[in-house]
C-alpha atoms as a PDB file:
ATOM      1  CA  MET A   1      66.580  51.100  74.682  1.00  0.00           C
ATOM      2  CA  ASN A   2      65.148  48.024  72.854  1.00  0.00           C
ATOM      3  CA  LYS A   3      64.780  48.720  69.213  1.00  0.00           C
ATOM      4  CA  ILE A   4      62.929  47.189  66.413  1.00  0.00           C
ATOM      5  CA  PRO A   5      62.609  43.149  66.063  1.00  0.00           C
ATOM      6  CA  PRO A   6      65.991  43.168  63.375  1.00  0.00           C
ATOM      7  CA  LYS A   7      64.096  41.015  60.541  1.00  0.00           C
ATOM      8  CA  LEU A   8      61.013  43.283  60.584  1.00  0.00           C
ATOM      9  CA  LYS A   9      63.344  46.906  60.410  1.00  0.00           C
ATOM     10  CA  GLU A  10      64.833  44.651  57.133  1.00  0.00           C
ATOM     11  CA  LEU A  11      61.499  44.926  56.136  1.00  0.00           C
ATOM     12  CA  LEU A  12      59.969  48.033  56.617  1.00  0.00           C
ATOM     13  CA  ASP A  13      64.126  48.817  55.391  1.00  0.00           C
ATOM     14  CA  LEU A  14      62.593  47.222  51.850  1.00  0.00           C
ATOM     15  CA  PHE A  15      59.151  48.830  51.864  1.00  0.00           C
ATOM     16  CA  SER A  16      60.624  52.145  52.083  1.00  0.00           C
ATOM     17  CA  LEU A  17      62.310  51.249  48.610  1.00  0.00           C
ATOM     18  CA  LEU A  18      59.007  51.319  46.681  1.00  0.00           C
ATOM     19  CA  SER A  19      58.469  53.630  45.206  1.00  0.00           C
ATOM     20  CA  THR A  20      55.298  53.021  43.057  1.00  0.00           C
ATOM     21  CA  GLU A  21      51.935  51.701  44.419  1.00  0.00           C
ATOM     22  CA  GLN A  22      52.055  49.005  42.403  1.00  0.00           C
ATOM     23  CA  GLU A  23      54.617  47.640  43.675  1.00  0.00           C
ATOM     24  CA  ARG A  24      54.188  47.371  47.190  1.00  0.00           C
ATOM     25  CA  ILE A  25      51.128  45.762  46.314  1.00  0.00           C
ATOM     26  CA  ASP A  26      52.533  43.275  44.433  1.00  0.00           C
ATOM     27  CA  PHE A  27      54.474  43.188  47.470  1.00  0.00           C
ATOM     28  CA  LEU A  28      52.347  42.547  49.862  1.00  0.00           C
ATOM     29  CA  ILE A  29      50.062  39.366  47.229  1.00  0.00           C
ATOM     30  CA  SER A  30      53.280  37.890  47.779  1.00  0.00           C
ATOM     31  CA  TYR A  31      53.439  38.018  51.186  1.00  0.00           C
ATOM     32  CA  SER A  32      49.895  36.766  51.411  1.00  0.00           C
ATOM     33  CA  ASP A  33      51.174  34.127  49.089  1.00  0.00           C
ATOM     34  CA  LYS A  34      53.219  32.759  52.175  1.00  0.00           C
ATOM     35  CA  PHE A  35      50.793  32.724  55.071  1.00  0.00           C
ATOM     36  CA  LYS A  36      49.945  29.191  56.143  1.00  0.00           C
ATOM     37  CA  GLU A  37      47.773  28.568  59.153  1.00  0.00           C
ATOM     38  CA  ASN A  38      50.148  26.841  61.422  1.00  0.00           C
ATOM     39  CA  LEU A  39      48.230  26.513  64.174  1.00  0.00           C
ATOM     40  CA  GLU A  40      49.103  22.814  65.385  1.00  0.00           C
ATOM     41  CA  SER A  41      48.048  22.549  68.624  1.00  0.00           C
ATOM     42  CA  VAL A  42      46.943  25.762  70.008  1.00  0.00           C
ATOM     43  CA  ALA A  43      44.237  26.686  67.621  1.00  0.00           C
ATOM     44  CA  GLN A  44      41.147  27.095  70.291  1.00  0.00           C
ATOM     45  CA  LEU A  45      39.280  30.460  68.113  1.00  0.00           C
ATOM     46  CA  THR A  46      37.649  31.711  71.445  1.00  0.00           C
ATOM     47  CA  GLU A  47      36.694  35.264  71.962  1.00  0.00           C
ATOM     48  CA  GLU A  48      40.740  35.516  73.788  1.00  0.00           C
ATOM     49  CA  ASN A  49      42.306  35.130  70.209  1.00  0.00           C
ATOM     50  CA  ASN A  50      39.922  36.889  68.462  1.00  0.00           C
ATOM     51  CA  VAL A  51      41.073  40.656  66.518  1.00  0.00           C
ATOM     52  CA  PRO A  52      38.276  42.835  67.062  1.00  0.00           C
ATOM     53  CA  PHE A  53      37.058  44.960  64.511  1.00  0.00           C
ATOM     54  CA  CYS A  54      38.923  43.066  62.144  1.00  0.00           C
ATOM     55  CA  GLU A  55      36.876  41.837  59.087  1.00  0.00           C
ATOM     56  CA  SER A  56      38.732  39.015  58.084  1.00  0.00           C
ATOM     57  CA  GLY A  57      38.240  36.524  60.783  1.00  0.00           C
ATOM     58  CA  VAL A  58      41.857  37.010  62.431  1.00  0.00           C
ATOM     59  CA  TYR A  59      42.614  35.025  66.020  1.00  0.00           C
ATOM     60  CA  VAL A  60      46.472  35.419  67.119  1.00  0.00           C
ATOM     61  CA  TRP A  61      47.979  33.031  69.606  1.00  0.00           C
ATOM     62  CA  ALA A  62      51.865  33.200  70.874  1.00  0.00           C
ATOM     63  CA  LYS A  63      53.626  30.898  72.928  1.00  0.00           C
ATOM     64  CA  GLN A  64      56.799  30.777  74.755  1.00  0.00           C
ATOM     65  CA  GLN A  65      59.294  28.668  73.814  1.00  0.00           C
ATOM     66  CA  PRO A  66      62.224  27.017  75.667  1.00  0.00           C
ATOM     67  CA  ASP A  67      64.627  29.584  74.700  1.00  0.00           C
ATOM     68  CA  LYS A  68      62.675  32.435  76.112  1.00  0.00           C
ATOM     69  CA  THR A  69      61.547  33.598  72.647  1.00  0.00           C
ATOM     70  CA  LEU A  70      58.048  33.433  71.261  1.00  0.00           C
ATOM     71  CA  LYS A  71      56.403  31.498  68.525  1.00  0.00           C
ATOM     72  CA  PHE A  72      52.812  33.824  66.863  1.00  0.00           C
ATOM     73  CA  TYR A  73      50.486  31.345  64.800  1.00  0.00           C
ATOM     74  CA  PHE A  74      48.112  33.503  62.929  1.00  0.00           C
ATOM     75  CA  ALA A  75      43.964  32.029  61.752  1.00  0.00           C
ATOM     76  CA  VAL A  76      42.564  34.382  58.783  1.00  0.00           C
ATOM     77  CA  GLN A  77      39.018  33.353  58.781  1.00  0.00           C
ATOM     78  CA  ASN A  78      38.569  34.938  55.576  1.00  0.00           C
ATOM     79  CA  PRO A  79      39.638  33.154  52.284  1.00  0.00           C
ATOM     80  CA  GLN A  80      39.507  37.235  50.525  1.00  0.00           C
ATOM     81  CA  GLY A  81      41.331  38.518  53.269  1.00  0.00           C
ATOM     82  CA  ILE A  82      44.449  39.527  51.466  1.00  0.00           C
ATOM     83  CA  SER A  83      45.483  41.934  53.411  1.00  0.00           C
ATOM     84  CA  ALA A  84      45.133  40.797  56.908  1.00  0.00           C
ATOM     85  CA  LYS A  85      47.030  37.187  55.577  1.00  0.00           C
ATOM     86  CA  ALA A  86      50.080  39.663  54.336  1.00  0.00           C
ATOM     87  CA  LEU A  87      50.286  41.833  57.252  1.00  0.00           C
ATOM     88  CA  THR A  88      50.590  38.266  59.180  1.00  0.00           C
ATOM     89  CA  ALA A  89      52.670  36.584  57.354  1.00  0.00           C
ATOM     90  CA  ILE A  90      54.556  39.391  57.392  1.00  0.00           C
ATOM     91  CA  LEU A  91      54.550  39.260  61.776  1.00  0.00           C
ATOM     92  CA  ASP A  92      54.809  35.244  61.629  1.00  0.00           C
ATOM     93  CA  GLN A  93      58.604  35.458  59.599  1.00  0.00           C
ATOM     94  CA  THR A  94      59.494  38.864  61.154  1.00  0.00           C
ATOM     95  CA  ILE A  95      58.871  38.296  65.223  1.00  0.00           C
ATOM     96  CA  SER A  96      57.754  34.767  66.024  1.00  0.00           C
ATOM     97  CA  GLY A  97      61.505  34.270  67.125  1.00  0.00           C
ATOM     98  CA  GLU A  98      61.835  36.789  68.788  1.00  0.00           C
ATOM     99  CA  LYS A  99      61.647  37.706  72.576  1.00  0.00           C
ATOM    100  CA  PRO A 100      58.542  39.473  74.128  1.00  0.00           C
ATOM    101  CA  GLU A 101      60.607  42.114  75.569  1.00  0.00           C
ATOM    102  CA  VAL A 102      61.774  43.338  71.423  1.00  0.00           C
ATOM    103  CA  ILE A 103      58.337  42.229  70.241  1.00  0.00           C
ATOM    104  CA  VAL A 104      56.995  45.364  72.142  1.00  0.00           C
ATOM    105  CA  ASN A 105      59.117  47.560  70.359  1.00  0.00           C
ATOM    106  CA  ILE A 106      56.985  47.000  67.365  1.00  0.00           C
ATOM    107  CA  PRO A 107      55.918  50.817  66.288  1.00  0.00           C
ATOM    108  CA  ASP A 108      51.912  51.496  66.311  1.00  0.00           C
ATOM    109  CA  ASP A 109      51.615  52.912  63.110  1.00  0.00           C
ATOM    110  CA  LEU A 110      53.353  50.372  61.239  1.00  0.00           C
ATOM    111  CA  VAL A 111      50.711  48.668  58.990  1.00  0.00           C
ATOM    112  CA  TYR A 112      50.868  52.336  58.161  1.00  0.00           C
ATOM    113  CA  LYS A 113      55.200  51.599  56.864  1.00  0.00           C
ATOM    114  CA  ILE A 114      53.809  48.508  55.423  1.00  0.00           C
ATOM    115  CA  PHE A 115      50.134  49.724  53.859  1.00  0.00           C
ATOM    116  CA  GLY A 116      50.443  53.084  53.475  1.00  0.00           C
ATOM    117  CA  GLN A 117      47.935  55.405  53.938  1.00  0.00           C
ATOM    118  CA  SER A 118      45.676  55.031  51.728  1.00  0.00           C
ATOM    119  CA  LEU A 119      43.677  52.363  53.855  1.00  0.00           C
ATOM    120  CA  SER A 120      40.082  52.608  54.742  1.00  0.00           C
ATOM    121  CA  MET A 121      39.472  53.470  58.084  1.00  0.00           C
ATOM    122  CA  GLY A 122      37.978  49.862  58.290  1.00  0.00           C
ATOM    123  CA  LYS A 123      40.775  47.993  57.177  1.00  0.00           C
ATOM    124  CA  ASN A 124      42.900  50.408  59.401  1.00  0.00           C
ATOM    125  CA  MET A 125      41.351  49.739  62.264  1.00  0.00           C
ATOM    126  CA  GLY A 126      41.655  45.362  61.505  1.00  0.00           C
ATOM    127  CA  LEU A 127      45.291  45.258  60.384  1.00  0.00           C
ATOM    128  CA  SER A 128      46.339  47.763  63.427  1.00  0.00           C
ATOM    129  CA  GLY A 129      44.236  45.194  65.517  1.00  0.00           C
ATOM    130  CA  ILE A 130      46.699  42.367  64.512  1.00  0.00           C
ATOM    131  CA  VAL A 131      50.487  44.561  65.351  1.00  0.00           C
ATOM    132  CA  GLN A 132      48.180  45.529  68.543  1.00  0.00           C
ATOM    133  CA  MET A 133      46.889  42.018  69.547  1.00  0.00           C
ATOM    134  CA  VAL A 134      50.911  40.523  68.738  1.00  0.00           C
ATOM    135  CA  LYS A 135      52.219  42.950  71.135  1.00  0.00           C
ATOM    136  CA  ARG A 136      49.584  42.459  74.123  1.00  0.00           C
ATOM    137  CA  LYS A 137      50.394  38.758  73.803  1.00  0.00           C
ATOM    138  CA  ALA A 138      54.214  39.865  74.307  1.00  0.00           C
ATOM    139  CA  LYS A 139      53.184  41.487  77.086  1.00  0.00           C
ATOM    140  CA  GLY A 140      51.048  38.942  78.753  1.00  0.00           C
ATOM    141  CA  TYR A 141      54.652  37.053  78.510  1.00  0.00           C
ATOM    142  CA  LEU A 142      56.736  39.808  80.206  1.00  0.00           C
ATOM    143  CA  LYS A 143      54.678  39.932  83.070  1.00  0.00           C
ATOM    144  CA  VAL A 144      54.807  35.950  84.143  1.00  0.00           C
ATOM    145  CA  GLN A 145      58.330  36.667  83.108  1.00  0.00           C
ATOM    146  CA  VAL A 146      59.200  39.040  86.003  1.00  0.00           C
END
């Protein structure tokens, strides 16, 4: 049975140690500062790569590396999209370099594990859409390998 990607599990364990909402917010803001659009030659702002329902205009790409791991690329069109930038920076640092069969095990409730339960419905839909897009991209590579 496959597990949550190890680097993502480490980060979730770290989040569980944060005792206040303000600590969580500060930690997430620090992650949003780490966001870098790392698009290289993949930048195609097409509907296929656009995350539905995400108010920050997020796009997701995945490229398979020679060792069959995936490298993820993200674009966040809204410069004020701090939550989207934080989540994509977290995903880039914790799942890029993993194999598709590991990435598909990202928990569906990852957004709540990271951001807590107080998200608005719209923000939850957008951020959850990013996670679902990442998993969908990984599943696409699983089908290629079969």
